[in-house]
Amino acid sequence: MPGRLAMLGLLAGAAATAGPQLAAEIAQWRRAREAALTADGGWLTVTGRFPLHEGDNRFGRAPSNDIVLPDGPPHAGTLILYDGKVTVRMEGATRAVRPNSSDEIRVGRVCLSVLQSAGVYSVRMKDPESRFRRDFRGIECYPVREEYRVTGRFVAAPRRIADAVCPGYVEFRLLGRELKLYPIQEQPGAKTLVIVFRDLTTGRETYEGGRFLDIELPPDGPAVLDFNVVLDFNKAYNPPCAFTPFVSCPLPPRQNRLPVRIEAGEKKMKR
């Protein structure tokens, strides 16, 4: 183990020679990140989440609806939840709605989608005129630092962490410490793993719910025994719940609580 981690330290040093190239890469990544947040349908447009109860759930602009919308007709339609299936009735037509998909219901300027988690159904509303989108002034970040881009080793060791699939762990050396992080696979067959972590800046300079970091899988996926991965903490980012209170995000598991300060990536949002 010490020999392998020492080799990782050498690999990390080699990765830290990018200089202006790394700064340009991170600048481009941050522009794309903010563009996605502020786009139509981005996280900054999420302005509501409503529970679905068994039976009829009326939606529209009138206060008498189960789901009251900021735009559209007074009574736009009805979402029907029956025996684990969801349908929508609008303008005299009825169709099925697939939860947790890109299947959307448009009412005026707003967009509705159905979510399902652990047998509980809800409706997410996106509004392009969201105050979160209107008031957004960018994301404050730490300066780009070479030492926070390191090469680690992914080791396949499948398990479940907080009801999520964790295909293994990443061991790496950072700030003179030998560390591990456990990523999760959000969707079956996903080519990107997500690390949900906290460090000694969490709740102070950075978001109190922790931050995310993505790592790319090789073509063969996590089934291979182990492989090198790049951990670039300059790309550590805030979860969606940092931008809107109408989104639930996973919290960092105890295994991903780092005993160091990660002074890289996105900082806490200022209200």
C-alpha atoms as a PDB file:
ATOM      1  CA  MET A   1       0.000   0.000   0.000  1.00  0.00           C
ATOM      2  CA  PRO A   2       2.681   2.648   0.892  1.00  0.00           C
ATOM      3  CA  GLY A   3       4.506   1.928  -2.354  1.00  0.00           C
ATOM      4  CA  ARG A   4       1.407   2.379  -4.439  1.00  0.00           C
ATOM      5  CA  LEU A   5       0.474   5.657  -2.692  1.00  0.00           C
ATOM      6  CA  ALA A   6       4.022   6.935  -3.116  1.00  0.00           C
ATOM      7  CA  MET A   7       3.678   6.289  -6.844  1.00  0.00           C
ATOM      8  CA  LEU A   8       0.375   8.191  -6.767  1.00  0.00           C
ATOM      9  CA  GLY A   9       2.224  11.123  -5.229  1.00  0.00           C
ATOM     10  CA  LEU A  10       4.616  11.152  -8.184  1.00  0.00           C
ATOM     11  CA  LEU A  11       1.690  10.985 -10.609  1.00  0.00           C
ATOM     12  CA  ALA A  12       0.020  13.882  -8.802  1.00  0.00           C
ATOM     13  CA  GLY A  13       3.205  15.936  -9.146  1.00  0.00           C
ATOM     14  CA  ALA A  14       3.282  15.243 -12.866  1.00  0.00           C
ATOM     15  CA  ALA A  15      -0.355  16.383 -13.164  1.00  0.00           C
ATOM     16  CA  ALA A  16       0.495  19.676 -11.429  1.00  0.00           C
ATOM     17  CA  THR A  17       2.545  21.088 -14.327  1.00  0.00           C
ATOM     18  CA  ALA A  18      -0.387  22.416 -16.402  1.00  0.00           C
ATOM     19  CA  GLY A  19       0.040  26.067 -15.323  1.00  0.00           C
ATOM     20  CA  PRO A  20      -1.933  28.456 -17.566  1.00  0.00           C
ATOM     21  CA  GLN A  21      -3.452  25.470 -19.359  1.00  0.00           C
ATOM     22  CA  LEU A  22      -5.155  24.336 -16.136  1.00  0.00           C
ATOM     23  CA  ALA A  23      -6.348  27.859 -15.391  1.00  0.00           C
ATOM     24  CA  ALA A  24      -7.882  28.113 -18.873  1.00  0.00           C
ATOM     25  CA  GLU A  25      -9.511  24.680 -18.493  1.00  0.00           C
ATOM     26  CA  ILE A  26     -11.090  25.616 -15.166  1.00  0.00           C
ATOM     27  CA  ALA A  27     -12.272  28.978 -16.494  1.00  0.00           C
ATOM     28  CA  GLN A  28     -14.013  27.221 -19.384  1.00  0.00           C
ATOM     29  CA  TRP A  29     -15.532  24.664 -16.993  1.00  0.00           C
ATOM     30  CA  ARG A  30     -16.885  27.430 -14.748  1.00  0.00           C
ATOM     31  CA  ARG A  31     -18.455  29.271 -17.698  1.00  0.00           C
ATOM     32  CA  ALA A  32     -20.205  26.074 -18.800  1.00  0.00           C
ATOM     33  CA  ARG A  33     -21.314  25.400 -15.219  1.00  0.00           C
ATOM     34  CA  GLU A  34     -22.949  28.817 -14.814  1.00  0.00           C
ATOM     35  CA  ALA A  35     -24.495  28.585 -18.287  1.00  0.00           C
ATOM     36  CA  ALA A  36     -26.168  25.300 -17.319  1.00  0.00           C
ATOM     37  CA  LEU A  37     -27.438  26.732 -14.038  1.00  0.00           C
ATOM     38  CA  THR A  38     -28.950  29.811 -15.651  1.00  0.00           C
ATOM     39  CA  ALA A  39     -30.373  28.056 -18.736  1.00  0.00           C
ATOM     40  CA  ASP A  40     -34.081  27.518 -19.282  1.00  0.00           C
ATOM     41  CA  GLY A  41     -34.831  24.447 -17.210  1.00  0.00           C
ATOM     42  CA  GLY A  42     -31.644  24.799 -15.111  1.00  0.00           C
ATOM     43  CA  TRP A  43     -31.598  24.364 -11.341  1.00  0.00           C
ATOM     44  CA  LEU A  44     -32.161  28.092 -10.805  1.00  0.00           C
ATOM     45  CA  THR A  45     -35.615  27.742 -12.378  1.00  0.00           C
ATOM     46  CA  VAL A  46     -36.838  25.176  -9.806  1.00  0.00           C
ATOM     47  CA  THR A  47     -39.400  27.117  -7.754  1.00  0.00           C
ATOM     48  CA  GLY A  48     -41.720  24.524  -6.284  1.00  0.00           C
ATOM     49  CA  ARG A  49     -42.225  20.949  -5.178  1.00  0.00           C
ATOM     50  CA  PHE A  50     -45.674  19.609  -4.365  1.00  0.00           C
ATOM     51  CA  PRO A  51     -46.749  16.236  -2.931  1.00  0.00           C
ATOM     52  CA  LEU A  52     -48.994  14.008  -5.030  1.00  0.00           C
ATOM     53  CA  HIS A  53     -51.734  12.202  -3.152  1.00  0.00           C
ATOM     54  CA  GLU A  54     -53.645   9.167  -4.321  1.00  0.00           C
ATOM     55  CA  GLY A  55     -56.409  10.139  -6.711  1.00  0.00           C
ATOM     56  CA  ASP A  56     -56.966  13.475  -8.456  1.00  0.00           C
ATOM     57  CA  ASN A  57     -54.502  16.367  -8.007  1.00  0.00           C
ATOM     58  CA  ARG A  58     -55.794  19.494  -9.770  1.00  0.00           C
ATOM     59  CA  PHE A  59     -53.315  22.133 -10.957  1.00  0.00           C
ATOM     60  CA  GLY A  60     -53.667  25.673 -12.280  1.00  0.00           C
ATOM     61  CA  ARG A  61     -53.448  29.321 -11.279  1.00  0.00           C
ATOM     62  CA  ALA A  62     -56.596  29.411  -9.106  1.00  0.00           C
ATOM     63  CA  PRO A  63     -55.996  29.125  -5.318  1.00  0.00           C
ATOM     64  CA  SER A  64     -58.534  26.289  -5.118  1.00  0.00           C
ATOM     65  CA  ASN A  65     -56.176  23.878  -6.932  1.00  0.00           C
ATOM     66  CA  ASP A  66     -54.122  21.229  -5.129  1.00  0.00           C
ATOM     67  CA  ILE A  67     -51.077  22.552  -7.023  1.00  0.00           C
ATOM     68  CA  VAL A  68     -51.206  26.335  -7.437  1.00  0.00           C
ATOM     69  CA  LEU A  69     -49.150  27.683 -10.333  1.00  0.00           C
ATOM     70  CA  PRO A  70     -47.936  31.248 -11.048  1.00  0.00           C
ATOM     71  CA  ASP A  71     -49.054  31.159 -14.690  1.00  0.00           C
ATOM     72  CA  GLY A  72     -51.509  29.483 -17.038  1.00  0.00           C
ATOM     73  CA  PRO A  73     -55.297  29.069 -16.876  1.00  0.00           C
ATOM     74  CA  PRO A  74     -57.170  29.010 -13.548  1.00  0.00           C
ATOM     75  CA  HIS A  75     -57.773  25.246 -13.909  1.00  0.00           C
ATOM     76  CA  ALA A  76     -55.181  23.762 -16.276  1.00  0.00           C
ATOM     77  CA  GLY A  77     -55.618  20.049 -15.673  1.00  0.00           C
ATOM     78  CA  THR A  78     -55.413  17.111 -13.276  1.00  0.00           C
ATOM     79  CA  LEU A  79     -52.644  14.701 -12.334  1.00  0.00           C
ATOM     80  CA  ILE A  80     -54.033  11.321 -11.304  1.00  0.00           C
ATOM     81  CA  LEU A  81     -52.042   8.972  -9.081  1.00  0.00           C
ATOM     82  CA  TYR A  82     -53.588   5.514  -8.921  1.00  0.00           C
ATOM     83  CA  ASP A  83     -51.986   2.235  -7.931  1.00  0.00           C
ATOM     84  CA  GLY A  84     -48.432   3.504  -8.553  1.00  0.00           C
ATOM     85  CA  LYS A  85     -49.164   4.959 -11.976  1.00  0.00           C
ATOM     86  CA  VAL A  86     -49.459   8.633 -12.918  1.00  0.00           C
ATOM     87  CA  THR A  87     -51.544  10.123 -15.720  1.00  0.00           C
ATOM     88  CA  VAL A  88     -52.340  13.718 -16.654  1.00  0.00           C
ATOM     89  CA  ARG A  89     -55.636  14.990 -17.995  1.00  0.00           C
ATOM     90  CA  MET A  90     -55.458  18.278 -19.923  1.00  0.00           C
ATOM     91  CA  GLU A  91     -57.595  19.855 -22.639  1.00  0.00           C
ATOM     92  CA  GLY A  92     -59.811  16.781 -22.898  1.00  0.00           C
ATOM     93  CA  ALA A  93     -56.953  14.300 -23.380  1.00  0.00           C
ATOM     94  CA  THR A  94     -55.346  11.862 -20.928  1.00  0.00           C
ATOM     95  CA  ARG A  95     -51.841  10.390 -21.158  1.00  0.00           C
ATOM     96  CA  ALA A  96     -49.372   8.537 -18.947  1.00  0.00           C
ATOM     97  CA  VAL A  97     -46.562  10.431 -17.200  1.00  0.00           C
ATOM     98  CA  ARG A  98     -43.224   8.730 -16.481  1.00  0.00           C
ATOM     99  CA  PRO A  99     -41.734   9.728 -13.095  1.00  0.00           C
ATOM    100  CA  ASN A 100     -38.035  10.672 -12.891  1.00  0.00           C
ATOM    101  CA  SER A 101     -37.769  11.254 -16.618  1.00  0.00           C
ATOM    102  CA  SER A 102     -37.706  14.095 -19.130  1.00  0.00           C
ATOM    103  CA  ASP A 103     -41.484  13.743 -19.492  1.00  0.00           C
ATOM    104  CA  GLU A 104     -42.769  17.278 -18.845  1.00  0.00           C
ATOM    105  CA  ILE A 105     -46.123  19.034 -18.590  1.00  0.00           C
ATOM    106  CA  ARG A 106     -46.152  22.640 -19.828  1.00  0.00           C
ATOM    107  CA  VAL A 107     -48.625  25.128 -18.397  1.00  0.00           C
ATOM    108  CA  GLY A 108     -48.142  28.696 -19.537  1.00  0.00           C
ATOM    109  CA  ARG A 109     -44.524  29.572 -18.869  1.00  0.00           C
ATOM    110  CA  VAL A 110     -44.000  26.882 -16.213  1.00  0.00           C
ATOM    111  CA  CYS A 111     -43.009  23.253 -16.592  1.00  0.00           C
ATOM    112  CA  LEU A 112     -44.046  20.354 -14.321  1.00  0.00           C
ATOM    113  CA  SER A 113     -42.414  16.936 -13.922  1.00  0.00           C
ATOM    114  CA  VAL A 114     -43.258  13.998 -11.679  1.00  0.00           C
ATOM    115  CA  LEU A 115     -40.720  12.565  -9.231  1.00  0.00           C
ATOM    116  CA  GLN A 116     -40.814   9.308  -7.323  1.00  0.00           C
ATOM    117  CA  SER A 117     -38.542   8.238  -4.485  1.00  0.00           C
ATOM    118  CA  ALA A 118     -39.099   5.325  -2.127  1.00  0.00           C
ATOM    119  CA  GLY A 119     -42.726   5.101  -3.234  1.00  0.00           C
ATOM    120  CA  VAL A 120     -43.440   8.778  -2.558  1.00  0.00           C
ATOM    121  CA  TYR A 121     -44.612  10.877  -5.516  1.00  0.00           C
ATOM    122  CA  SER A 122     -44.208  14.622  -5.980  1.00  0.00           C
ATOM    123  CA  VAL A 123     -44.328  17.311  -8.668  1.00  0.00           C
ATOM    124  CA  ARG A 124     -41.405  19.627  -9.447  1.00  0.00           C
ATOM    125  CA  MET A 125     -42.154  23.037 -10.937  1.00  0.00           C
ATOM    126  CA  LYS A 126     -39.716  25.037 -13.065  1.00  0.00           C
ATOM    127  CA  ASP A 127     -40.364  28.709 -13.805  1.00  0.00           C
ATOM    128  CA  PRO A 128     -38.059  30.659 -16.186  1.00  0.00           C
ATOM    129  CA  GLU A 129     -38.976  33.822 -14.257  1.00  0.00           C
ATOM    130  CA  SER A 130     -37.723  32.333 -10.978  1.00  0.00           C
ATOM    131  CA  ARG A 131     -36.379  34.830  -8.452  1.00  0.00           C
ATOM    132  CA  PHE A 132     -33.388  32.503  -7.949  1.00  0.00           C
ATOM    133  CA  ARG A 133     -32.526  32.908 -11.616  1.00  0.00           C
ATOM    134  CA  ARG A 134     -33.235  36.621 -11.611  1.00  0.00           C
ATOM    135  CA  ASP A 135     -31.103  37.305  -8.530  1.00  0.00           C
ATOM    136  CA  PHE A 136     -28.183  35.046  -9.489  1.00  0.00           C
ATOM    137  CA  ARG A 137     -24.872  36.943  -9.510  1.00  0.00           C
ATOM    138  CA  GLY A 138     -22.446  34.133 -10.204  1.00  0.00           C
ATOM    139  CA  ILE A 139     -20.566  31.698  -7.981  1.00  0.00           C
ATOM    140  CA  GLU A 140     -17.579  32.737  -5.897  1.00  0.00           C
ATOM    141  CA  CYS A 141     -14.704  30.257  -6.199  1.00  0.00           C
ATOM    142  CA  TYR A 142     -11.268  29.726  -4.736  1.00  0.00           C
ATOM    143  CA  PRO A 143      -8.319  30.595  -6.995  1.00  0.00           C
ATOM    144  CA  VAL A 144      -7.188  27.730  -9.222  1.00  0.00           C
ATOM    145  CA  ARG A 145      -4.372  25.833  -7.512  1.00  0.00           C
ATOM    146  CA  GLU A 146      -2.264  23.104  -9.063  1.00  0.00           C
ATOM    147  CA  GLU A 147      -1.891  21.085  -5.861  1.00  0.00           C
ATOM    148  CA  TYR A 148      -5.624  20.346  -5.802  1.00  0.00           C
ATOM    149  CA  ARG A 149      -5.467  18.408  -9.057  1.00  0.00           C
ATOM    150  CA  VAL A 150      -4.202  14.940  -8.164  1.00  0.00           C
ATOM    151  CA  THR A 151      -4.130  11.463  -9.643  1.00  0.00           C
ATOM    152  CA  GLY A 152      -5.669   8.748  -7.519  1.00  0.00           C
ATOM    153  CA  ARG A 153      -6.399   5.067  -7.835  1.00  0.00           C
ATOM    154  CA  PHE A 154      -9.925   3.676  -8.069  1.00  0.00           C
ATOM    155  CA  VAL A 155     -10.267   0.296  -6.366  1.00  0.00           C
ATOM    156  CA  ALA A 156     -13.363  -1.780  -7.122  1.00  0.00           C
ATOM    157  CA  ALA A 157     -15.107  -2.727  -3.853  1.00  0.00           C
ATOM    158  CA  PRO A 158     -18.887  -2.631  -4.417  1.00  0.00           C
ATOM    159  CA  ARG A 159     -21.143  -1.707  -1.503  1.00  0.00           C
ATOM    160  CA  ARG A 160     -24.101   0.507  -0.678  1.00  0.00           C
ATOM    161  CA  ILE A 161     -23.669   3.849   1.039  1.00  0.00           C
ATOM    162  CA  ALA A 162     -26.747   5.762   2.224  1.00  0.00           C
ATOM    163  CA  ASP A 163     -29.005   3.691  -0.070  1.00  0.00           C
ATOM    164  CA  ALA A 164     -26.818   4.506  -3.088  1.00  0.00           C
ATOM    165  CA  VAL A 165     -24.643   2.187  -5.190  1.00  0.00           C
ATOM    166  CA  CYS A 166     -20.952   2.682  -4.421  1.00  0.00           C
ATOM    167  CA  PRO A 167     -18.789   0.634  -6.831  1.00  0.00           C
ATOM    168  CA  GLY A 168     -15.542   1.202  -4.919  1.00  0.00           C
ATOM    169  CA  TYR A 169     -13.252   3.879  -3.504  1.00  0.00           C
ATOM    170  CA  VAL A 170     -10.528   6.260  -4.656  1.00  0.00           C
ATOM    171  CA  GLU A 171      -7.267   6.414  -2.753  1.00  0.00           C
ATOM    172  CA  PHE A 172      -5.047   9.456  -3.257  1.00  0.00           C
ATOM    173  CA  ARG A 173      -2.492  11.708  -1.620  1.00  0.00           C
ATOM    174  CA  LEU A 174      -3.320  15.381  -0.990  1.00  0.00           C
ATOM    175  CA  LEU A 175      -1.709  18.025   1.221  1.00  0.00           C
ATOM    176  CA  GLY A 176       0.647  15.428   2.628  1.00  0.00           C
ATOM    177  CA  ARG A 177      -2.176  13.094   3.674  1.00  0.00           C
ATOM    178  CA  GLU A 178      -3.182   9.674   2.386  1.00  0.00           C
ATOM    179  CA  LEU A 179      -6.950   9.858   1.861  1.00  0.00           C
ATOM    180  CA  LYS A 180      -9.916   7.895   0.498  1.00  0.00           C
ATOM    181  CA  LEU A 181     -13.242   8.925  -1.014  1.00  0.00           C
ATOM    182  CA  TYR A 182     -16.235   6.768  -1.896  1.00  0.00           C
ATOM    183  CA  PRO A 183     -18.177   7.781  -5.053  1.00  0.00           C
ATOM    184  CA  ILE A 184     -21.734   6.793  -5.897  1.00  0.00           C
ATOM    185  CA  GLN A 185     -23.298   5.777  -9.193  1.00  0.00           C
ATOM    186  CA  GLU A 186     -26.531   7.763  -9.515  1.00  0.00           C
ATOM    187  CA  GLN A 187     -27.993   5.793 -12.424  1.00  0.00           C
ATOM    188  CA  PRO A 188     -27.358   2.228 -13.664  1.00  0.00           C
ATOM    189  CA  GLY A 189     -24.812   2.309 -16.468  1.00  0.00           C
ATOM    190  CA  ALA A 190     -23.772   5.914 -15.764  1.00  0.00           C
ATOM    191  CA  LYS A 191     -20.294   6.758 -17.109  1.00  0.00           C
ATOM    192  CA  THR A 192     -19.659   9.351 -14.387  1.00  0.00           C
ATOM    193  CA  LEU A 193     -19.397   8.737 -10.654  1.00  0.00           C
ATOM    194  CA  VAL A 194     -20.237  11.442  -8.124  1.00  0.00           C
ATOM    195  CA  ILE A 195     -18.320  12.024  -4.904  1.00  0.00           C
ATOM    196  CA  VAL A 196     -20.312  13.785  -2.175  1.00  0.00           C
ATOM    197  CA  PHE A 197     -17.814  15.074   0.374  1.00  0.00           C
ATOM    198  CA  ARG A 198     -17.194  17.526   3.154  1.00  0.00           C
ATOM    199  CA  ASP A 199     -13.923  18.943   4.459  1.00  0.00           C
ATOM    200  CA  LEU A 200     -12.752  21.438   7.067  1.00  0.00           C
ATOM    201  CA  THR A 201     -14.082  24.385   5.030  1.00  0.00           C
ATOM    202  CA  THR A 202     -17.630  22.970   4.990  1.00  0.00           C
ATOM    203  CA  GLY A 203     -20.140  25.240   6.711  1.00  0.00           C
ATOM    204  CA  ARG A 204     -17.588  28.023   6.890  1.00  0.00           C
ATOM    205  CA  GLU A 205     -16.335  29.104   3.465  1.00  0.00           C
ATOM    206  CA  THR A 206     -18.161  26.347   1.559  1.00  0.00           C
ATOM    207  CA  TYR A 207     -21.728  25.069   1.440  1.00  0.00           C
ATOM    208  CA  GLU A 208     -22.895  23.476   4.689  1.00  0.00           C
ATOM    209  CA  GLY A 209     -24.392  20.481   2.867  1.00  0.00           C
ATOM    210  CA  GLY A 210     -21.032  19.526   1.354  1.00  0.00           C
ATOM    211  CA  ARG A 211     -19.875  19.604  -2.258  1.00  0.00           C
ATOM    212  CA  PHE A 212     -19.827  17.291  -5.269  1.00  0.00           C
ATOM    213  CA  LEU A 213     -16.955  16.137  -7.475  1.00  0.00           C
ATOM    214  CA  ASP A 214     -17.353  14.068 -10.659  1.00  0.00           C
ATOM    215  CA  ILE A 215     -14.970  11.394 -11.903  1.00  0.00           C
ATOM    216  CA  GLU A 216     -15.094   9.736 -15.296  1.00  0.00           C
ATOM    217  CA  LEU A 217     -15.167   5.970 -15.679  1.00  0.00           C
ATOM    218  CA  PRO A 218     -13.026   4.133 -18.244  1.00  0.00           C
ATOM    219  CA  PRO A 219     -14.840   2.469 -21.184  1.00  0.00           C
ATOM    220  CA  ASP A 220     -15.103  -0.829 -19.275  1.00  0.00           C
ATOM    221  CA  GLY A 221     -16.830   0.893 -16.336  1.00  0.00           C
ATOM    222  CA  PRO A 222     -16.200   0.201 -12.636  1.00  0.00           C
ATOM    223  CA  ALA A 223     -16.208  -3.575 -13.118  1.00  0.00           C
ATOM    224  CA  VAL A 224     -12.457  -3.550 -13.795  1.00  0.00           C
ATOM    225  CA  LEU A 225     -10.323  -4.116 -10.723  1.00  0.00           C
ATOM    226  CA  ASP A 226      -8.707  -0.701 -10.487  1.00  0.00           C
ATOM    227  CA  PHE A 227      -7.585   2.232 -12.634  1.00  0.00           C
ATOM    228  CA  ASN A 228      -6.142   5.741 -12.371  1.00  0.00           C
ATOM    229  CA  VAL A 229      -8.526   8.677 -11.975  1.00  0.00           C
ATOM    230  CA  VAL A 230      -7.942  12.427 -11.852  1.00  0.00           C
ATOM    231  CA  LEU A 231      -9.445  14.254  -8.893  1.00  0.00           C
ATOM    232  CA  ASP A 232      -9.544  17.959  -9.706  1.00  0.00           C
ATOM    233  CA  PHE A 233     -10.917  19.712  -6.638  1.00  0.00           C
ATOM    234  CA  ASN A 234     -10.811  22.974  -8.604  1.00  0.00           C
ATOM    235  CA  LYS A 235     -14.028  21.510 -10.097  1.00  0.00           C
ATOM    236  CA  ALA A 236     -15.668  20.792  -6.729  1.00  0.00           C
ATOM    237  CA  TYR A 237     -19.170  22.213  -7.046  1.00  0.00           C
ATOM    238  CA  ASN A 238     -22.203  23.034  -4.940  1.00  0.00           C
ATOM    239  CA  PRO A 239     -25.187  20.660  -5.083  1.00  0.00           C
ATOM    240  CA  PRO A 240     -28.507  21.864  -6.543  1.00  0.00           C
ATOM    241  CA  CYS A 241     -29.962  22.449  -3.066  1.00  0.00           C
ATOM    242  CA  ALA A 242     -27.451  25.292  -2.620  1.00  0.00           C
ATOM    243  CA  PHE A 243     -29.380  27.233  -5.281  1.00  0.00           C
ATOM    244  CA  THR A 244     -33.016  26.374  -4.549  1.00  0.00           C
ATOM    245  CA  PRO A 245     -34.802  25.037  -1.430  1.00  0.00           C
ATOM    246  CA  PHE A 246     -37.090  22.878  -3.592  1.00  0.00           C
ATOM    247  CA  VAL A 247     -34.476  20.184  -4.303  1.00  0.00           C
ATOM    248  CA  SER A 248     -33.279  17.378  -2.038  1.00  0.00           C
ATOM    249  CA  CYS A 249     -29.602  16.398  -2.232  1.00  0.00           C
ATOM    250  CA  PRO A 250     -27.604  13.540  -0.701  1.00  0.00           C
ATOM    251  CA  LEU A 251     -25.451  14.442   2.280  1.00  0.00           C
ATOM    252  CA  PRO A 252     -21.794  13.386   2.518  1.00  0.00           C
ATOM    253  CA  PRO A 253     -21.495   9.935   4.132  1.00  0.00           C
ATOM    254  CA  ARG A 254     -19.196   9.592   7.121  1.00  0.00           C
ATOM    255  CA  GLN A 255     -16.604   7.906   4.875  1.00  0.00           C
ATOM    256  CA  ASN A 256     -16.268  11.122   2.828  1.00  0.00           C
ATOM    257  CA  ARG A 257     -15.495  13.537   5.653  1.00  0.00           C
ATOM    258  CA  LEU A 258     -11.987  14.717   4.836  1.00  0.00           C
ATOM    259  CA  PRO A 259      -9.752  15.885   7.731  1.00  0.00           C
ATOM    260  CA  VAL A 260      -8.172  18.624   5.568  1.00  0.00           C
ATOM    261  CA  ARG A 261      -9.150  22.013   4.159  1.00  0.00           C
ATOM    262  CA  ILE A 262     -10.017  21.801   0.443  1.00  0.00           C
ATOM    263  CA  GLU A 263      -9.427  25.433  -0.551  1.00  0.00           C
ATOM    264  CA  ALA A 264     -10.470  24.806  -4.150  1.00  0.00           C
ATOM    265  CA  GLY A 265     -13.669  24.845  -6.162  1.00  0.00           C
ATOM    266  CA  GLU A 266     -16.913  26.622  -5.386  1.00  0.00           C
ATOM    267  CA  LYS A 267     -17.565  28.556  -2.196  1.00  0.00           C
ATOM    268  CA  LYS A 268     -20.777  29.092  -0.243  1.00  0.00           C
ATOM    269  CA  MET A 269     -23.487  31.043  -2.065  1.00  0.00           C
ATOM    270  CA  LYS A 270     -24.068  34.554  -0.711  1.00  0.00           C
ATOM    271  CA  ARG A 271     -27.709  35.445  -0.103  1.00  0.00           C
END
